[in-house]
Amino acid sequence: MNPITYIILISTVMSGTMLVMISSHGL
C-alpha cells in the first residue's frame, strides 16, 4: 500500500471524526 494512500485515509477519518464531534457538541 502507498504511504500516500495511508495519509489520505487518515486525513479523511480525522476530518470525519472532527465533523461528528462538532455535530454532537452542536446538538
N, C-alpha and C. Protein backbone atom coordinates (compact mmCIF):
# COMPACT_ATOMS: atom_id res chain seq x y z
N MET A 1 0.85 -1.20 0.00
CA MET A 1 0.00 0.00 0.00
C MET A 1 0.88 1.25 0.00
N ASN A 2 0.44 2.25 -0.72
CA ASN A 2 1.21 3.50 -0.80
C ASN A 2 1.12 4.30 0.50
N PRO A 3 2.20 4.97 0.89
CA PRO A 3 2.14 5.86 2.06
C PRO A 3 1.12 6.98 1.84
N ILE A 4 1.01 7.42 0.57
CA ILE A 4 0.06 8.49 0.22
C ILE A 4 -1.37 8.03 0.52
N THR A 5 -1.66 6.76 0.20
CA THR A 5 -3.00 6.22 0.46
C THR A 5 -3.30 6.28 1.95
N TYR A 6 -2.30 5.93 2.76
CA TYR A 6 -2.47 5.97 4.22
C TYR A 6 -2.75 7.40 4.69
N ILE A 7 -2.01 8.36 4.15
CA ILE A 7 -2.18 9.77 4.54
C ILE A 7 -3.59 10.23 4.19
N ILE A 8 -4.06 9.91 2.98
CA ILE A 8 -5.41 10.30 2.55
C ILE A 8 -6.45 9.65 3.45
N LEU A 9 -6.26 8.36 3.74
CA LEU A 9 -7.19 7.62 4.58
C LEU A 9 -7.26 8.23 5.98
N ILE A 10 -6.10 8.50 6.56
CA ILE A 10 -6.04 9.07 7.92
C ILE A 10 -6.69 10.46 7.95
N SER A 11 -6.37 11.29 6.95
CA SER A 11 -6.93 12.65 6.94
C SER A 11 -8.44 12.61 6.77
N THR A 12 -8.94 11.66 5.95
CA THR A 12 -10.39 11.51 5.76
C THR A 12 -11.06 11.11 7.06
N VAL A 13 -10.47 10.12 7.74
CA VAL A 13 -11.01 9.65 9.03
C VAL A 13 -10.98 10.79 10.04
N MET A 14 -9.87 11.51 10.08
CA MET A 14 -9.71 12.61 11.04
C MET A 14 -10.77 13.68 10.82
N SER A 15 -10.95 14.11 9.56
CA SER A 15 -11.94 15.15 9.27
C SER A 15 -13.35 14.65 9.57
N GLY A 16 -13.61 13.37 9.28
CA GLY A 16 -14.92 12.78 9.58
C GLY A 16 -15.18 12.78 11.07
N THR A 17 -14.16 12.41 11.85
CA THR A 17 -14.29 12.39 13.32
C THR A 17 -14.54 13.81 13.84
N MET A 18 -13.82 14.77 13.29
CA MET A 18 -13.97 16.16 13.70
C MET A 18 -15.40 16.63 13.45
N LEU A 19 -15.94 16.32 12.26
CA LEU A 19 -17.30 16.72 11.91
C LEU A 19 -18.30 16.10 12.87
N VAL A 20 -18.12 14.82 13.20
CA VAL A 20 -19.02 14.12 14.13
C VAL A 20 -18.96 14.78 15.50
N MET A 21 -17.73 15.08 15.95
CA MET A 21 -17.53 15.71 17.26
C MET A 21 -18.26 17.05 17.31
N ILE A 22 -18.05 17.88 16.28
CA ILE A 22 -18.67 19.21 16.22
C ILE A 22 -20.20 19.07 16.17
N SER A 23 -20.69 18.10 15.39
CA SER A 23 -22.13 17.90 15.25
C SER A 23 -22.75 17.53 16.60
N SER A 24 -22.12 16.59 17.31
CA SER A 24 -22.68 16.16 18.60
C SER A 24 -22.61 17.29 19.63
N HIS A 25 -21.56 18.09 19.59
CA HIS A 25 -21.45 19.22 20.51
C HIS A 25 -22.48 20.29 20.17
N GLY A 26 -22.74 20.45 18.86
CA GLY A 26 -23.73 21.43 18.41
C GLY A 26 -25.12 21.06 18.91
N LEU A 27 -25.41 19.74 18.93
CA LEU A 27 -26.71 19.28 19.42
C LEU A 27 -26.73 19.36 20.95
